[in-house]
């Protein structure tokens, strides 16, 4: 039964990119026809919403106008004004992944990361010896709500993780129509050594190329950053892991800390330093902005390895795996009773 008022919606999904929102719309069990009954917005709320049902829950999907923490914070704040009944927000989409977050753990493209904590890794002080992230109690993002912690405890169990993996595989069937472009990429899942940069190495192709500067050996010119590894002829000897579609064993779900910032992580060495220091599984740009406004979980499919070799080949498939995992999580959510009930 359709809700009568927007206060009846208990779950919100926030997406930064159109392709992320498109993937989420495909996993709704029912989309509510706004021409029959629109739910409106509070005065001053400029967000764009889509409403519907996933499992037994009334869900509102919110499209962000742009990427980043400040945009996410503004969207979450406005969302709270209009949809006062929301108890859980999911930030769903794509992210960069840490290929080796621990000794016994590997993350591959298309896998999904679920946050049990979020760190804002660009919030701190820059010293001559390097950047120091603020870690004081007043400077860090708070703990998840009790309801979210209970949900995550359930999701972390081996039995539920296996159930979710099978569910995600089933949900992905709606994305497997080739004409939609969401299918598993034909390109290989290739990981390069962290220190091997994606840049010109043979000759300058334009006067603006900075790839050969001796005083700044880490520089990568704009042209190189927009080229594929095939176009740049990246040396195959620096590939340390390769996985073809034939090797795929389905989508793995990883739960842990996600690093959030207003910058895109495109450095394998900086990625590995942060993984070693903070134990993070992935990198994205919106979670920190939502975290302190609404109780939330970040759920994102891995589309690259947060290094300079990142490209867009895996974005649509990763958005699909992230959306399917979000649906699996939502089906296990038991919201707290409403006041007065």
C-alpha atoms as a PDB file:
ATOM      1  CA  UNK A   1       0.000   0.000   0.000  1.00  0.00           C
ATOM      2  CA  UNK A   2       1.345   3.411  -0.961  1.00  0.00           C
ATOM      3  CA  UNK A   3       2.218   5.736   1.921  1.00  0.00           C
ATOM      4  CA  UNK A   4      -0.139   8.662   2.507  1.00  0.00           C
ATOM      5  CA  UNK A   5       2.507  11.194   3.471  1.00  0.00           C
ATOM      6  CA  UNK A   6       6.229  11.682   2.987  1.00  0.00           C
ATOM      7  CA  UNK A   7       6.737  11.181   6.740  1.00  0.00           C
ATOM      8  CA  UNK A   8       5.884   7.502   6.110  1.00  0.00           C
ATOM      9  CA  UNK A   9       9.164   6.940   4.247  1.00  0.00           C
ATOM     10  CA  UNK A  10      11.712   5.267   6.532  1.00  0.00           C
ATOM     11  CA  UNK A  11      14.722   4.721   4.241  1.00  0.00           C
ATOM     12  CA  UNK A  12      16.598   7.136   1.985  1.00  0.00           C
ATOM     13  CA  UNK A  13      19.141   6.305  -0.702  1.00  0.00           C
ATOM     14  CA  UNK A  14      21.517   9.070  -1.773  1.00  0.00           C
ATOM     15  CA  UNK A  15      23.422   8.928  -5.070  1.00  0.00           C
ATOM     16  CA  UNK A  16      25.991  11.390  -6.397  1.00  0.00           C
ATOM     17  CA  UNK A  17      26.113  10.269 -10.035  1.00  0.00           C
ATOM     18  CA  UNK A  18      23.265   9.754 -12.480  1.00  0.00           C
ATOM     19  CA  UNK A  19      24.499   6.253 -13.330  1.00  0.00           C
ATOM     20  CA  UNK A  20      24.383   5.370  -9.610  1.00  0.00           C
ATOM     21  CA  UNK A  21      20.780   6.565  -9.323  1.00  0.00           C
ATOM     22  CA  UNK A  22      19.815   4.766 -12.528  1.00  0.00           C
ATOM     23  CA  UNK A  23      21.152   1.514 -11.061  1.00  0.00           C
ATOM     24  CA  UNK A  24      19.209   2.033  -7.834  1.00  0.00           C
ATOM     25  CA  UNK A  25      15.955   2.717  -9.701  1.00  0.00           C
ATOM     26  CA  UNK A  26      16.282  -0.702 -11.342  1.00  0.00           C
ATOM     27  CA  UNK A  27      16.285  -2.516  -7.977  1.00  0.00           C
ATOM     28  CA  UNK A  28      13.056  -0.939  -6.699  1.00  0.00           C
ATOM     29  CA  UNK A  29      10.250  -3.479  -6.420  1.00  0.00           C
ATOM     30  CA  UNK A  30       7.784  -0.678  -7.149  1.00  0.00           C
ATOM     31  CA  UNK A  31       8.168   2.938  -8.251  1.00  0.00           C
ATOM     32  CA  UNK A  32       5.386   5.253  -7.094  1.00  0.00           C
ATOM     33  CA  UNK A  33       3.745   7.208  -9.900  1.00  0.00           C
ATOM     34  CA  UNK A  34       4.197  10.855  -8.952  1.00  0.00           C
ATOM     35  CA  UNK A  35       1.419  11.852 -11.375  1.00  0.00           C
ATOM     36  CA  UNK A  36      -1.070   9.957  -9.188  1.00  0.00           C
ATOM     37  CA  UNK A  37       0.202  11.173  -5.855  1.00  0.00           C
ATOM     38  CA  UNK A  38       3.196  13.427  -5.357  1.00  0.00           C
ATOM     39  CA  UNK A  39       4.730  13.821  -1.931  1.00  0.00           C
ATOM     40  CA  UNK A  40       6.210  17.277  -2.410  1.00  0.00           C
ATOM     41  CA  UNK A  41       9.045  18.882  -0.487  1.00  0.00           C
ATOM     42  CA  UNK A  42       9.484  21.187   2.462  1.00  0.00           C
ATOM     43  CA  UNK A  43       9.987  24.866   1.608  1.00  0.00           C
ATOM     44  CA  UNK A  44      13.675  25.453   0.942  1.00  0.00           C
ATOM     45  CA  UNK A  45      14.367  21.844  -0.057  1.00  0.00           C
ATOM     46  CA  UNK A  46      15.836  21.823  -3.578  1.00  0.00           C
ATOM     47  CA  UNK A  47      16.539  18.074  -3.751  1.00  0.00           C
ATOM     48  CA  UNK A  48      15.221  15.874  -6.576  1.00  0.00           C
ATOM     49  CA  UNK A  49      13.446  12.724  -5.359  1.00  0.00           C
ATOM     50  CA  UNK A  50      12.130   9.422  -6.684  1.00  0.00           C
ATOM     51  CA  UNK A  51       9.889   7.367  -4.393  1.00  0.00           C
ATOM     52  CA  UNK A  52       9.001   3.704  -4.290  1.00  0.00           C
ATOM     53  CA  UNK A  53       9.157   0.423  -2.413  1.00  0.00           C
ATOM     54  CA  UNK A  54      12.009  -2.021  -1.814  1.00  0.00           C
ATOM     55  CA  UNK A  55      10.954  -5.192   0.019  1.00  0.00           C
ATOM     56  CA  UNK A  56       8.495  -4.013   2.690  1.00  0.00           C
ATOM     57  CA  UNK A  57       9.999  -0.534   3.022  1.00  0.00           C
ATOM     58  CA  UNK A  58       8.952   2.811   1.562  1.00  0.00           C
ATOM     59  CA  UNK A  59      12.155   4.284   0.123  1.00  0.00           C
ATOM     60  CA  UNK A  60      13.026   7.735  -1.182  1.00  0.00           C
ATOM     61  CA  UNK A  61      15.889   8.048  -3.679  1.00  0.00           C
ATOM     62  CA  UNK A  62      17.700  11.376  -3.733  1.00  0.00           C
ATOM     63  CA  UNK A  63      19.891  12.553  -6.610  1.00  0.00           C
ATOM     64  CA  UNK A  64      22.736  14.867  -5.611  1.00  0.00           C
ATOM     65  CA  UNK A  65      23.436  17.924  -7.824  1.00  0.00           C
ATOM     66  CA  UNK A  66      27.190  17.326  -7.625  1.00  0.00           C
ATOM     67  CA  UNK A  67      29.798  15.098  -6.015  1.00  0.00           C
ATOM     68  CA  UNK A  68      31.623  15.791  -2.762  1.00  0.00           C
ATOM     69  CA  UNK A  69      31.207  16.153   0.987  1.00  0.00           C
ATOM     70  CA  UNK A  70      29.614  19.615   1.104  1.00  0.00           C
ATOM     71  CA  UNK A  71      27.013  18.717  -1.520  1.00  0.00           C
ATOM     72  CA  UNK A  72      26.232  15.478   0.338  1.00  0.00           C
ATOM     73  CA  UNK A  73      25.846  17.335   3.642  1.00  0.00           C
ATOM     74  CA  UNK A  74      23.479  19.875   2.082  1.00  0.00           C
ATOM     75  CA  UNK A  75      21.391  17.156   0.439  1.00  0.00           C
ATOM     76  CA  UNK A  76      21.168  15.148   3.671  1.00  0.00           C
ATOM     77  CA  UNK A  77      20.157  18.232   5.664  1.00  0.00           C
ATOM     78  CA  UNK A  78      17.348  19.089   3.221  1.00  0.00           C
ATOM     79  CA  UNK A  79      16.255  15.457   3.110  1.00  0.00           C
ATOM     80  CA  UNK A  80      15.722  15.477   6.868  1.00  0.00           C
ATOM     81  CA  UNK A  81      13.434  18.507   6.582  1.00  0.00           C
ATOM     82  CA  UNK A  82      11.136  16.919   4.000  1.00  0.00           C
ATOM     83  CA  UNK A  83      11.224  13.239   4.948  1.00  0.00           C
ATOM     84  CA  UNK A  84      11.088  13.366   8.719  1.00  0.00           C
ATOM     85  CA  UNK A  85      10.417   9.639   9.126  1.00  0.00           C
ATOM     86  CA  UNK A  86      13.726   8.502   7.606  1.00  0.00           C
ATOM     87  CA  UNK A  87      15.685   6.365  10.079  1.00  0.00           C
ATOM     88  CA  UNK A  88      18.307   4.973   7.712  1.00  0.00           C
ATOM     89  CA  UNK A  89      20.186   6.552   4.816  1.00  0.00           C
ATOM     90  CA  UNK A  90      22.269   4.559   2.365  1.00  0.00           C
ATOM     91  CA  UNK A  91      24.934   6.299   0.294  1.00  0.00           C
ATOM     92  CA  UNK A  92      25.004   3.997  -2.731  1.00  0.00           C
ATOM     93  CA  UNK A  93      27.218   4.023  -5.798  1.00  0.00           C
ATOM     94  CA  UNK A  94      30.804   3.411  -6.869  1.00  0.00           C
ATOM     95  CA  UNK A  95      34.178   3.794  -5.201  1.00  0.00           C
ATOM     96  CA  UNK A  96      37.871   3.057  -5.467  1.00  0.00           C
ATOM     97  CA  UNK A  97      38.999  -0.101  -3.698  1.00  0.00           C
ATOM     98  CA  UNK A  98      42.069  -1.113  -1.725  1.00  0.00           C
ATOM     99  CA  UNK A  99      43.284  -4.286  -3.494  1.00  0.00           C
ATOM    100  CA  UNK A 100      45.058  -5.714  -0.418  1.00  0.00           C
ATOM    101  CA  UNK A 101      43.495  -4.190   2.726  1.00  0.00           C
ATOM    102  CA  UNK A 102      44.947  -6.909   4.947  1.00  0.00           C
ATOM    103  CA  UNK A 103      47.203  -9.938   4.716  1.00  0.00           C
ATOM    104  CA  UNK A 104      44.346 -12.377   4.159  1.00  0.00           C
ATOM    105  CA  UNK A 105      41.958 -10.172   2.216  1.00  0.00           C
ATOM    106  CA  UNK A 106      41.758  -9.192  -1.444  1.00  0.00           C
ATOM    107  CA  UNK A 107      39.299  -6.832  -3.109  1.00  0.00           C
ATOM    108  CA  UNK A 108      38.529  -7.094  -6.831  1.00  0.00           C
ATOM    109  CA  UNK A 109      36.677  -4.856  -9.265  1.00  0.00           C
ATOM    110  CA  UNK A 110      32.932  -5.353  -8.937  1.00  0.00           C
ATOM    111  CA  UNK A 111      33.156  -6.327  -5.260  1.00  0.00           C
ATOM    112  CA  UNK A 112      31.116  -4.252  -2.808  1.00  0.00           C
ATOM    113  CA  UNK A 113      32.237  -2.380   0.309  1.00  0.00           C
ATOM    114  CA  UNK A 114      29.843  -1.712   3.188  1.00  0.00           C
ATOM    115  CA  UNK A 115      30.946   0.836   5.788  1.00  0.00           C
ATOM    116  CA  UNK A 116      30.928   0.192   9.504  1.00  0.00           C
ATOM    117  CA  UNK A 117      32.846   3.461   9.959  1.00  0.00           C
ATOM    118  CA  UNK A 118      33.917   6.428   7.842  1.00  0.00           C
ATOM    119  CA  UNK A 119      37.044   8.561   8.149  1.00  0.00           C
ATOM    120  CA  UNK A 120      37.499  11.981   6.569  1.00  0.00           C
ATOM    121  CA  UNK A 121      41.072  11.611   5.390  1.00  0.00           C
ATOM    122  CA  UNK A 122      41.548  15.138   4.015  1.00  0.00           C
ATOM    123  CA  UNK A 123      40.647  16.826   7.332  1.00  0.00           C
ATOM    124  CA  UNK A 124      43.802  17.743   9.233  1.00  0.00           C
ATOM    125  CA  UNK A 125      46.989  19.790   9.108  1.00  0.00           C
ATOM    126  CA  UNK A 126      49.752  19.969   6.507  1.00  0.00           C
ATOM    127  CA  UNK A 127      53.215  19.952   8.121  1.00  0.00           C
ATOM    128  CA  UNK A 128      56.613  20.150   6.371  1.00  0.00           C
ATOM    129  CA  UNK A 129      57.015  16.430   7.015  1.00  0.00           C
ATOM    130  CA  UNK A 130      53.601  15.510   5.639  1.00  0.00           C
ATOM    131  CA  UNK A 131      49.850  15.622   6.251  1.00  0.00           C
ATOM    132  CA  UNK A 132      48.468  14.706   9.677  1.00  0.00           C
ATOM    133  CA  UNK A 133      44.808  13.748   9.878  1.00  0.00           C
ATOM    134  CA  UNK A 134      42.857  15.052  12.879  1.00  0.00           C
ATOM    135  CA  UNK A 135      41.846  12.135  15.084  1.00  0.00           C
ATOM    136  CA  UNK A 136      40.564  13.815  18.258  1.00  0.00           C
ATOM    137  CA  UNK A 137      37.095  12.949  19.548  1.00  0.00           C
ATOM    138  CA  UNK A 138      35.693  16.322  18.450  1.00  0.00           C
ATOM    139  CA  UNK A 139      37.314  16.016  15.026  1.00  0.00           C
ATOM    140  CA  UNK A 140      36.145  12.542  14.013  1.00  0.00           C
ATOM    141  CA  UNK A 141      32.845  11.270  12.659  1.00  0.00           C
ATOM    142  CA  UNK A 142      30.566   9.668  15.231  1.00  0.00           C
ATOM    143  CA  UNK A 143      29.712   6.007  15.692  1.00  0.00           C
ATOM    144  CA  UNK A 144      26.777   4.456  13.832  1.00  0.00           C
ATOM    145  CA  UNK A 145      23.409   4.394  15.609  1.00  0.00           C
ATOM    146  CA  UNK A 146      22.494   1.364  17.706  1.00  0.00           C
ATOM    147  CA  UNK A 147      20.032   0.204  15.038  1.00  0.00           C
ATOM    148  CA  UNK A 148      22.701   0.386  12.333  1.00  0.00           C
ATOM    149  CA  UNK A 149      25.253  -1.374  14.531  1.00  0.00           C
ATOM    150  CA  UNK A 150      22.754  -4.198  15.086  1.00  0.00           C
ATOM    151  CA  UNK A 151      22.086  -4.431  11.344  1.00  0.00           C
ATOM    152  CA  UNK A 152      25.809  -4.534  10.554  1.00  0.00           C
ATOM    153  CA  UNK A 153      26.371  -7.226  13.190  1.00  0.00           C
ATOM    154  CA  UNK A 154      23.772  -9.350  11.404  1.00  0.00           C
ATOM    155  CA  UNK A 155      25.275  -8.647   7.970  1.00  0.00           C
ATOM    156  CA  UNK A 156      28.770  -9.601   9.187  1.00  0.00           C
ATOM    157  CA  UNK A 157      27.698 -13.141  10.079  1.00  0.00           C
ATOM    158  CA  UNK A 158      28.961 -15.825   7.728  1.00  0.00           C
ATOM    159  CA  UNK A 159      25.490 -17.199   7.039  1.00  0.00           C
ATOM    160  CA  UNK A 160      24.000 -13.823   6.130  1.00  0.00           C
ATOM    161  CA  UNK A 161      27.003 -12.873   3.999  1.00  0.00           C
ATOM    162  CA  UNK A 162      26.508 -16.064   1.968  1.00  0.00           C
ATOM    163  CA  UNK A 163      22.776 -15.371   1.667  1.00  0.00           C
ATOM    164  CA  UNK A 164      23.492 -11.834   0.488  1.00  0.00           C
ATOM    165  CA  UNK A 165      26.035 -12.994  -2.081  1.00  0.00           C
ATOM    166  CA  UNK A 166      23.421 -15.319  -3.591  1.00  0.00           C
ATOM    167  CA  UNK A 167      20.769 -12.589  -3.490  1.00  0.00           C
ATOM    168  CA  UNK A 168      23.055 -10.102  -5.245  1.00  0.00           C
ATOM    169  CA  UNK A 169      23.677 -12.659  -7.980  1.00  0.00           C
ATOM    170  CA  UNK A 170      19.915 -13.041  -8.430  1.00  0.00           C
ATOM    171  CA  UNK A 171      19.236  -9.295  -8.380  1.00  0.00           C
ATOM    172  CA  UNK A 172      21.912  -8.728 -11.027  1.00  0.00           C
ATOM    173  CA  UNK A 173      19.758 -10.605 -13.543  1.00  0.00           C
ATOM    174  CA  UNK A 174      17.799  -7.417 -14.229  1.00  0.00           C
ATOM    175  CA  UNK A 175      21.065  -5.743 -15.268  1.00  0.00           C
ATOM    176  CA  UNK A 176      22.202  -8.489 -17.644  1.00  0.00           C
ATOM    177  CA  UNK A 177      20.419  -7.195 -20.727  1.00  0.00           C
ATOM    178  CA  UNK A 178      23.330  -6.215 -23.023  1.00  0.00           C
ATOM    179  CA  UNK A 179      21.516  -3.200 -24.423  1.00  0.00           C
ATOM    180  CA  UNK A 180      21.416  -1.624 -20.949  1.00  0.00           C
ATOM    181  CA  UNK A 181      25.209  -1.612 -20.608  1.00  0.00           C
ATOM    182  CA  UNK A 182      25.288  -2.860 -16.995  1.00  0.00           C
ATOM    183  CA  UNK A 183      26.770  -6.299 -17.706  1.00  0.00           C
ATOM    184  CA  UNK A 184      30.132  -7.560 -16.462  1.00  0.00           C
ATOM    185  CA  UNK A 185      32.879  -5.818 -18.495  1.00  0.00           C
ATOM    186  CA  UNK A 186      34.804  -7.788 -21.074  1.00  0.00           C
ATOM    187  CA  UNK A 187      38.016  -5.971 -20.110  1.00  0.00           C
ATOM    188  CA  UNK A 188      40.302  -7.705 -17.629  1.00  0.00           C
ATOM    189  CA  UNK A 189      40.556  -6.734 -13.986  1.00  0.00           C
ATOM    190  CA  UNK A 190      44.187  -5.576 -13.958  1.00  0.00           C
ATOM    191  CA  UNK A 191      46.170  -4.255 -10.991  1.00  0.00           C
ATOM    192  CA  UNK A 192      49.497  -2.470 -11.459  1.00  0.00           C
ATOM    193  CA  UNK A 193      52.267  -2.047  -8.924  1.00  0.00           C
ATOM    194  CA  UNK A 194      51.483   0.923  -6.681  1.00  0.00           C
ATOM    195  CA  UNK A 195      54.601   2.838  -7.738  1.00  0.00           C
ATOM    196  CA  UNK A 196      53.995   2.414 -11.483  1.00  0.00           C
ATOM    197  CA  UNK A 197      52.256   5.583 -12.672  1.00  0.00           C
ATOM    198  CA  UNK A 198      49.926   5.887 -15.646  1.00  0.00           C
ATOM    199  CA  UNK A 199      51.910   8.347 -17.794  1.00  0.00           C
ATOM    200  CA  UNK A 200      53.796   8.917 -21.034  1.00  0.00           C
ATOM    201  CA  UNK A 201      57.142   7.108 -20.962  1.00  0.00           C
ATOM    202  CA  UNK A 202      58.394   7.091 -24.549  1.00  0.00           C
ATOM    203  CA  UNK A 203      58.064  10.643 -25.842  1.00  0.00           C
ATOM    204  CA  UNK A 204      56.270  13.915 -25.289  1.00  0.00           C
ATOM    205  CA  UNK A 205      53.104  14.193 -27.339  1.00  0.00           C
ATOM    206  CA  UNK A 206      52.535  17.914 -26.741  1.00  0.00           C
ATOM    207  CA  UNK A 207      54.369  20.944 -25.288  1.00  0.00           C
ATOM    208  CA  UNK A 208      52.027  20.805 -22.287  1.00  0.00           C
ATOM    209  CA  UNK A 209      53.058  17.263 -21.321  1.00  0.00           C
ATOM    210  CA  UNK A 210      54.505  17.191 -17.779  1.00  0.00           C
ATOM    211  CA  UNK A 211      55.172  13.450 -17.634  1.00  0.00           C
ATOM    212  CA  UNK A 212      58.934  13.881 -18.120  1.00  0.00           C
ATOM    213  CA  UNK A 213      59.679  16.615 -15.563  1.00  0.00           C
ATOM    214  CA  UNK A 214      62.772  15.588 -13.621  1.00  0.00           C
ATOM    215  CA  UNK A 215      61.976  17.946 -10.751  1.00  0.00           C
ATOM    216  CA  UNK A 216      58.449  16.452 -10.392  1.00  0.00           C
ATOM    217  CA  UNK A 217      58.683  12.783 -11.381  1.00  0.00           C
ATOM    218  CA  UNK A 218      55.153  12.000 -10.151  1.00  0.00           C
ATOM    219  CA  UNK A 219      53.480  14.472 -12.527  1.00  0.00           C
ATOM    220  CA  UNK A 220      50.986  13.091 -15.047  1.00  0.00           C
ATOM    221  CA  UNK A 221      49.760  15.290 -17.880  1.00  0.00           C
ATOM    222  CA  UNK A 222      46.050  15.726 -18.630  1.00  0.00           C
ATOM    223  CA  UNK A 223      46.309  13.881 -21.943  1.00  0.00           C
ATOM    224  CA  UNK A 224      47.860  10.807 -20.302  1.00  0.00           C
ATOM    225  CA  UNK A 225      45.255  10.788 -17.529  1.00  0.00           C
ATOM    226  CA  UNK A 226      42.507  10.502 -20.154  1.00  0.00           C
ATOM    227  CA  UNK A 227      44.149   7.635 -22.069  1.00  0.00           C
ATOM    228  CA  UNK A 228      43.732   3.919 -21.441  1.00  0.00           C
ATOM    229  CA  UNK A 229      46.559   1.613 -20.440  1.00  0.00           C
ATOM    230  CA  UNK A 230      46.429   0.104 -23.935  1.00  0.00           C
ATOM    231  CA  UNK A 231      46.779   3.527 -25.553  1.00  0.00           C
ATOM    232  CA  UNK A 232      49.681   4.413 -23.265  1.00  0.00           C
ATOM    233  CA  UNK A 233      51.233   0.954 -23.640  1.00  0.00           C
ATOM    234  CA  UNK A 234      51.626   0.581 -19.877  1.00  0.00           C
ATOM    235  CA  UNK A 235      54.371  -1.971 -19.255  1.00  0.00           C
ATOM    236  CA  UNK A 236      52.838  -5.401 -18.603  1.00  0.00           C
ATOM    237  CA  UNK A 237      55.785  -6.282 -16.383  1.00  0.00           C
ATOM    238  CA  UNK A 238      54.318  -3.964 -13.728  1.00  0.00           C
ATOM    239  CA  UNK A 239      51.005  -5.852 -13.583  1.00  0.00           C
ATOM    240  CA  UNK A 240      50.929  -7.675 -10.241  1.00  0.00           C
ATOM    241  CA  UNK A 241      47.432  -9.202 -10.467  1.00  0.00           C
ATOM    242  CA  UNK A 242      45.131 -10.021 -13.342  1.00  0.00           C
ATOM    243  CA  UNK A 243      41.641 -11.508 -13.293  1.00  0.00           C
ATOM    244  CA  UNK A 244      39.552 -12.384 -16.342  1.00  0.00           C
ATOM    245  CA  UNK A 245      35.796 -12.862 -16.447  1.00  0.00           C
ATOM    246  CA  UNK A 246      36.338 -16.625 -16.590  1.00  0.00           C
ATOM    247  CA  UNK A 247      38.054 -16.401 -13.184  1.00  0.00           C
ATOM    248  CA  UNK A 248      35.137 -14.552 -11.583  1.00  0.00           C
ATOM    249  CA  UNK A 249      33.558 -16.234  -8.558  1.00  0.00           C
ATOM    250  CA  UNK A 250      30.787 -13.723  -8.068  1.00  0.00           C
ATOM    251  CA  UNK A 251      30.569 -10.554  -6.034  1.00  0.00           C
ATOM    252  CA  UNK A 252      32.311 -10.532  -2.653  1.00  0.00           C
ATOM    253  CA  UNK A 253      31.014  -8.227   0.080  1.00  0.00           C
ATOM    254  CA  UNK A 254      33.522  -6.528   2.388  1.00  0.00           C
ATOM    255  CA  UNK A 255      32.618  -4.663   5.579  1.00  0.00           C
ATOM    256  CA  UNK A 256      34.917  -2.115   7.208  1.00  0.00           C
ATOM    257  CA  UNK A 257      36.178   1.458   7.160  1.00  0.00           C
ATOM    258  CA  UNK A 258      35.665   3.681   4.126  1.00  0.00           C
ATOM    259  CA  UNK A 259      37.811   6.771   3.554  1.00  0.00           C
ATOM    260  CA  UNK A 260      35.941   9.870   2.414  1.00  0.00           C
ATOM    261  CA  UNK A 261      37.313  13.147   1.049  1.00  0.00           C
ATOM    262  CA  UNK A 262      36.607  15.974  -1.381  1.00  0.00           C
ATOM    263  CA  UNK A 263      39.412  14.736  -3.620  1.00  0.00           C
ATOM    264  CA  UNK A 264      39.594  11.686  -5.876  1.00  0.00           C
ATOM    265  CA  UNK A 265      42.285   9.207  -4.806  1.00  0.00           C
ATOM    266  CA  UNK A 266      44.394   8.472  -7.912  1.00  0.00           C
ATOM    267  CA  UNK A 267      47.704   7.418  -6.384  1.00  0.00           C
ATOM    268  CA  UNK A 268      48.594   3.809  -5.652  1.00  0.00           C
ATOM    269  CA  UNK A 269      51.324   4.755  -3.190  1.00  0.00           C
ATOM    270  CA  UNK A 270      49.152   7.236  -1.257  1.00  0.00           C
ATOM    271  CA  UNK A 271      46.347   4.675  -1.303  1.00  0.00           C
ATOM    272  CA  UNK A 272      48.551   1.996   0.230  1.00  0.00           C
ATOM    273  CA  UNK A 273      49.915   4.360   2.885  1.00  0.00           C
ATOM    274  CA  UNK A 274      46.392   5.214   4.018  1.00  0.00           C
ATOM    275  CA  UNK A 275      45.324   1.570   3.918  1.00  0.00           C
ATOM    276  CA  UNK A 276      48.301   0.626   6.090  1.00  0.00           C
ATOM    277  CA  UNK A 277      47.781   3.505   8.533  1.00  0.00           C
ATOM    278  CA  UNK A 278      43.974   3.526   8.815  1.00  0.00           C
ATOM    279  CA  UNK A 279      42.902   0.052   7.685  1.00  0.00           C
ATOM    280  CA  UNK A 280      40.490   1.393   5.062  1.00  0.00           C
ATOM    281  CA  UNK A 281      38.853  -0.750   2.392  1.00  0.00           C
ATOM    282  CA  UNK A 282      37.852   1.910  -0.114  1.00  0.00           C
ATOM    283  CA  UNK A 283      37.761   5.572  -1.120  1.00  0.00           C
ATOM    284  CA  UNK A 284      34.789   7.777  -1.978  1.00  0.00           C
ATOM    285  CA  UNK A 285      33.575  11.388  -1.697  1.00  0.00           C
ATOM    286  CA  UNK A 286      30.109  11.591  -0.115  1.00  0.00           C
ATOM    287  CA  UNK A 287      29.920   9.425   3.002  1.00  0.00           C
ATOM    288  CA  UNK A 288      31.451  11.953   5.404  1.00  0.00           C
ATOM    289  CA  UNK A 289      28.919  14.602   4.355  1.00  0.00           C
ATOM    290  CA  UNK A 290      25.912  12.396   5.088  1.00  0.00           C
ATOM    291  CA  UNK A 291      27.295  10.597   8.161  1.00  0.00           C
ATOM    292  CA  UNK A 292      26.725  13.362  10.722  1.00  0.00           C
ATOM    293  CA  UNK A 293      23.323  14.404   9.329  1.00  0.00           C
ATOM    294  CA  UNK A 294      21.448  11.098   9.112  1.00  0.00           C
ATOM    295  CA  UNK A 295      22.279   7.622  10.457  1.00  0.00           C
ATOM    296  CA  UNK A 296      23.815   6.085   7.355  1.00  0.00           C
ATOM    297  CA  UNK A 297      25.694   3.221   5.746  1.00  0.00           C
ATOM    298  CA  UNK A 298      27.910   3.647   2.691  1.00  0.00           C
ATOM    299  CA  UNK A 299      27.455   0.824   0.162  1.00  0.00           C
ATOM    300  CA  UNK A 300      29.584   1.085  -2.962  1.00  0.00           C
ATOM    301  CA  UNK A 301      30.758  -1.158  -5.766  1.00  0.00           C
ATOM    302  CA  UNK A 302      34.476  -1.079  -6.562  1.00  0.00           C
ATOM    303  CA  UNK A 303      35.073   0.382 -10.035  1.00  0.00           C
ATOM    304  CA  UNK A 304      38.840   1.007  -9.838  1.00  0.00           C
ATOM    305  CA  UNK A 305      41.840   0.622  -7.549  1.00  0.00           C
ATOM    306  CA  UNK A 306      42.164   4.318  -6.584  1.00  0.00           C
ATOM    307  CA  UNK A 307      45.365   4.658  -8.603  1.00  0.00           C
ATOM    308  CA  UNK A 308      46.384   6.576 -11.715  1.00  0.00           C
ATOM    309  CA  UNK A 309      45.310   3.672 -13.959  1.00  0.00           C
ATOM    310  CA  UNK A 310      41.628   4.175 -13.097  1.00  0.00           C
ATOM    311  CA  UNK A 311      39.196   4.254 -16.021  1.00  0.00           C
ATOM    312  CA  UNK A 312      35.439   4.080 -16.494  1.00  0.00           C
ATOM    313  CA  UNK A 313      35.171   0.539 -17.897  1.00  0.00           C
ATOM    314  CA  UNK A 314      33.852  -0.926 -14.636  1.00  0.00           C
ATOM    315  CA  UNK A 315      31.658   1.956 -13.433  1.00  0.00           C
ATOM    316  CA  UNK A 316      28.291   0.665 -14.646  1.00  0.00           C
ATOM    317  CA  UNK A 317      28.836  -2.880 -13.406  1.00  0.00           C
ATOM    318  CA  UNK A 318      30.112  -1.606 -10.034  1.00  0.00           C
ATOM    319  CA  UNK A 319      27.063   0.662  -9.725  1.00  0.00           C
ATOM    320  CA  UNK A 320      24.873  -2.388 -10.361  1.00  0.00           C
ATOM    321  CA  UNK A 321      26.598  -4.558  -7.730  1.00  0.00           C
ATOM    322  CA  UNK A 322      26.416  -1.693  -5.223  1.00  0.00           C
ATOM    323  CA  UNK A 323      22.690  -1.196  -5.860  1.00  0.00           C
ATOM    324  CA  UNK A 324      21.948  -4.926  -5.577  1.00  0.00           C
ATOM    325  CA  UNK A 325      23.829  -5.132  -2.283  1.00  0.00           C
ATOM    326  CA  UNK A 326      21.876  -2.139  -0.988  1.00  0.00           C
ATOM    327  CA  UNK A 327      18.636  -3.984  -1.773  1.00  0.00           C
ATOM    328  CA  UNK A 328      19.884  -7.027   0.124  1.00  0.00           C
ATOM    329  CA  UNK A 329      20.755  -4.857   3.141  1.00  0.00           C
ATOM    330  CA  UNK A 330      17.398  -3.050   3.044  1.00  0.00           C
ATOM    331  CA  UNK A 331      15.513  -6.359   3.145  1.00  0.00           C
ATOM    332  CA  UNK A 332      17.168  -7.053   6.525  1.00  0.00           C
ATOM    333  CA  UNK A 333      16.470  -3.662   8.089  1.00  0.00           C
ATOM    334  CA  UNK A 334      13.979  -3.550  10.955  1.00  0.00           C
ATOM    335  CA  UNK A 335      13.288   0.131  11.701  1.00  0.00           C
ATOM    336  CA  UNK A 336      12.712   1.254  15.281  1.00  0.00           C
ATOM    337  CA  UNK A 337       9.019   1.684  16.185  1.00  0.00           C
ATOM    338  CA  UNK A 338       7.574   5.096  15.419  1.00  0.00           C
ATOM    339  CA  UNK A 339       6.813   7.377  18.332  1.00  0.00           C
ATOM    340  CA  UNK A 340       3.302   6.825  19.634  1.00  0.00           C
ATOM    341  CA  UNK A 341       2.984   3.365  18.066  1.00  0.00           C
END
